[in-house]
Amino acid sequence: MRYSLVALAVLGLLTACGQPQQNNSAQNSQTTAEQTAQSETERLNQWFEEKYEEQLQQSPIQMTFLGRKDRNGDIDQGVKEQKSV
């Protein structure tokens, strides 16, 4: 009887220390969540890039400061208003 209890305890410990079974559906849902988060991040980054470009197009002096030569000949509205006053 004593040996069977010891054997049962050892069997229980070995079972508890074994590799856990992996649930494929949990892994799939985690992968899907990661992909969704990544695509959401990419979408948000694209939105920020568009808004930054819109703001930058309003200031040719800032574009020149950043080294972009798209609108070097243009002058900011603020500078025009100051000259006319």
C-alpha atoms as a PDB file:
ATOM      1  CA  MET A   1       0.000   0.000   0.000  1.00  0.00           C
ATOM      2  CA  ARG A   2       2.794   2.357   0.929  1.00  0.00           C
ATOM      3  CA  TYR A   3       4.610   1.695  -2.351  1.00  0.00           C
ATOM      4  CA  SER A   4       1.473   2.375  -4.354  1.00  0.00           C
ATOM      5  CA  LEU A   5       1.000   5.769  -2.646  1.00  0.00           C
ATOM      6  CA  VAL A   6       4.642   6.684  -3.333  1.00  0.00           C
ATOM      7  CA  ALA A   7       4.301   5.480  -6.929  1.00  0.00           C
ATOM      8  CA  LEU A   8       1.081   7.484  -7.318  1.00  0.00           C
ATOM      9  CA  ALA A   9       2.761  10.626  -5.901  1.00  0.00           C
ATOM     10  CA  VAL A  10       5.758  10.222  -8.236  1.00  0.00           C
ATOM     11  CA  LEU A  11       3.443   9.685 -11.184  1.00  0.00           C
ATOM     12  CA  GLY A  12       1.519  12.827 -10.269  1.00  0.00           C
ATOM     13  CA  LEU A  13       4.707  14.887 -10.031  1.00  0.00           C
ATOM     14  CA  LEU A  14       6.007  13.615 -13.361  1.00  0.00           C
ATOM     15  CA  THR A  15       2.697  14.371 -15.021  1.00  0.00           C
ATOM     16  CA  ALA A  16       2.660  17.895 -13.600  1.00  0.00           C
ATOM     17  CA  CYS A  17       6.214  18.524 -14.822  1.00  0.00           C
ATOM     18  CA  GLY A  18       5.470  17.376 -18.366  1.00  0.00           C
ATOM     19  CA  GLN A  19       5.102  19.664 -21.372  1.00  0.00           C
ATOM     20  CA  PRO A  20       1.771  21.492 -21.429  1.00  0.00           C
ATOM     21  CA  GLN A  21      -0.524  20.722 -24.319  1.00  0.00           C
ATOM     22  CA  GLN A  22      -0.770  23.602 -26.734  1.00  0.00           C
ATOM     23  CA  ASN A  23      -4.173  24.678 -27.855  1.00  0.00           C
ATOM     24  CA  ASN A  24      -4.126  25.472 -31.576  1.00  0.00           C
ATOM     25  CA  SER A  25      -7.212  27.648 -31.425  1.00  0.00           C
ATOM     26  CA  ALA A  26      -5.621  29.809 -28.719  1.00  0.00           C
ATOM     27  CA  GLN A  27      -2.473  30.171 -30.811  1.00  0.00           C
ATOM     28  CA  ASN A  28      -4.508  31.038 -33.904  1.00  0.00           C
ATOM     29  CA  SER A  29      -6.493  33.698 -32.074  1.00  0.00           C
ATOM     30  CA  GLN A  30      -3.288  35.161 -30.628  1.00  0.00           C
ATOM     31  CA  THR A  31      -1.705  35.265 -34.096  1.00  0.00           C
ATOM     32  CA  THR A  32      -4.821  36.897 -35.511  1.00  0.00           C
ATOM     33  CA  ALA A  33      -4.793  39.498 -32.731  1.00  0.00           C
ATOM     34  CA  GLU A  34      -1.129  40.266 -33.405  1.00  0.00           C
ATOM     35  CA  GLN A  35      -1.793  40.649 -37.131  1.00  0.00           C
ATOM     36  CA  THR A  36      -4.748  42.932 -36.445  1.00  0.00           C
ATOM     37  CA  ALA A  37      -2.676  45.063 -34.077  1.00  0.00           C
ATOM     38  CA  GLN A  38       0.133  45.280 -36.630  1.00  0.00           C
ATOM     39  CA  SER A  39      -2.211  46.288 -39.455  1.00  0.00           C
ATOM     40  CA  GLU A  40      -3.853  48.850 -37.162  1.00  0.00           C
ATOM     41  CA  THR A  41      -0.421  50.266 -36.315  1.00  0.00           C
ATOM     42  CA  GLU A  42       0.470  50.484 -39.996  1.00  0.00           C
ATOM     43  CA  ARG A  43      -2.820  52.243 -40.735  1.00  0.00           C
ATOM     44  CA  LEU A  44      -2.248  54.736 -37.924  1.00  0.00           C
ATOM     45  CA  ASN A  45       1.320  55.415 -39.059  1.00  0.00           C
ATOM     46  CA  GLN A  46       0.054  56.058 -42.593  1.00  0.00           C
ATOM     47  CA  TRP A  47      -2.542  58.524 -41.238  1.00  0.00           C
ATOM     48  CA  PHE A  48       0.124  60.406 -39.243  1.00  0.00           C
ATOM     49  CA  GLU A  49       2.361  60.542 -42.310  1.00  0.00           C
ATOM     50  CA  GLU A  50      -0.453  62.013 -44.416  1.00  0.00           C
ATOM     51  CA  LYS A  51      -1.315  64.647 -41.796  1.00  0.00           C
ATOM     52  CA  TYR A  52       2.347  65.604 -41.401  1.00  0.00           C
ATOM     53  CA  GLU A  53       2.708  65.991 -45.161  1.00  0.00           C
ATOM     54  CA  GLU A  54      -0.440  68.169 -45.303  1.00  0.00           C
ATOM     55  CA  GLN A  55       0.951  70.422 -42.584  1.00  0.00           C
ATOM     56  CA  LEU A  56       4.363  70.530 -44.223  1.00  0.00           C
ATOM     57  CA  GLN A  57       2.890  71.573 -47.581  1.00  0.00           C
ATOM     58  CA  GLN A  58       1.577  74.725 -45.899  1.00  0.00           C
ATOM     59  CA  SER A  59       5.099  75.849 -44.964  1.00  0.00           C
ATOM     60  CA  PRO A  60       7.671  75.977 -47.773  1.00  0.00           C
ATOM     61  CA  ILE A  61      10.233  77.471 -45.395  1.00  0.00           C
ATOM     62  CA  GLN A  62       9.916  74.404 -43.134  1.00  0.00           C
ATOM     63  CA  MET A  63      10.303  72.165 -46.188  1.00  0.00           C
ATOM     64  CA  THR A  64      13.487  74.028 -47.127  1.00  0.00           C
ATOM     65  CA  PHE A  65      14.729  73.695 -43.555  1.00  0.00           C
ATOM     66  CA  LEU A  66      14.235  69.920 -43.824  1.00  0.00           C
ATOM     67  CA  GLY A  67      16.231  69.838 -47.056  1.00  0.00           C
ATOM     68  CA  ARG A  68      13.294  69.362 -49.415  1.00  0.00           C
ATOM     69  CA  LYS A  69      13.475  71.496 -52.533  1.00  0.00           C
ATOM     70  CA  ASP A  70       9.878  71.003 -53.716  1.00  0.00           C
ATOM     71  CA  ARG A  71       8.722  74.573 -53.058  1.00  0.00           C
ATOM     72  CA  ASN A  72      11.902  76.608 -52.647  1.00  0.00           C
ATOM     73  CA  GLY A  73      10.467  79.550 -54.600  1.00  0.00           C
ATOM     74  CA  ASP A  74       7.347  79.897 -52.444  1.00  0.00           C
ATOM     75  CA  ILE A  75       7.115  82.074 -49.370  1.00  0.00           C
ATOM     76  CA  ASP A  76       4.992  81.365 -46.287  1.00  0.00           C
ATOM     77  CA  GLN A  77       1.739  83.292 -45.899  1.00  0.00           C
ATOM     78  CA  GLY A  78       2.995  84.808 -42.639  1.00  0.00           C
ATOM     79  CA  VAL A  79       5.999  86.331 -44.340  1.00  0.00           C
ATOM     80  CA  LYS A  80       3.819  87.811 -47.121  1.00  0.00           C
ATOM     81  CA  GLU A  81       1.485  89.409 -44.576  1.00  0.00           C
ATOM     82  CA  GLN A  82       4.369  90.942 -42.649  1.00  0.00           C
ATOM     83  CA  LYS A  83       5.805  92.496 -45.818  1.00  0.00           C
ATOM     84  CA  SER A  84       2.464  94.057 -46.786  1.00  0.00           C
ATOM     85  CA  VAL A  85       2.000  95.758 -43.380  1.00  0.00           C
END
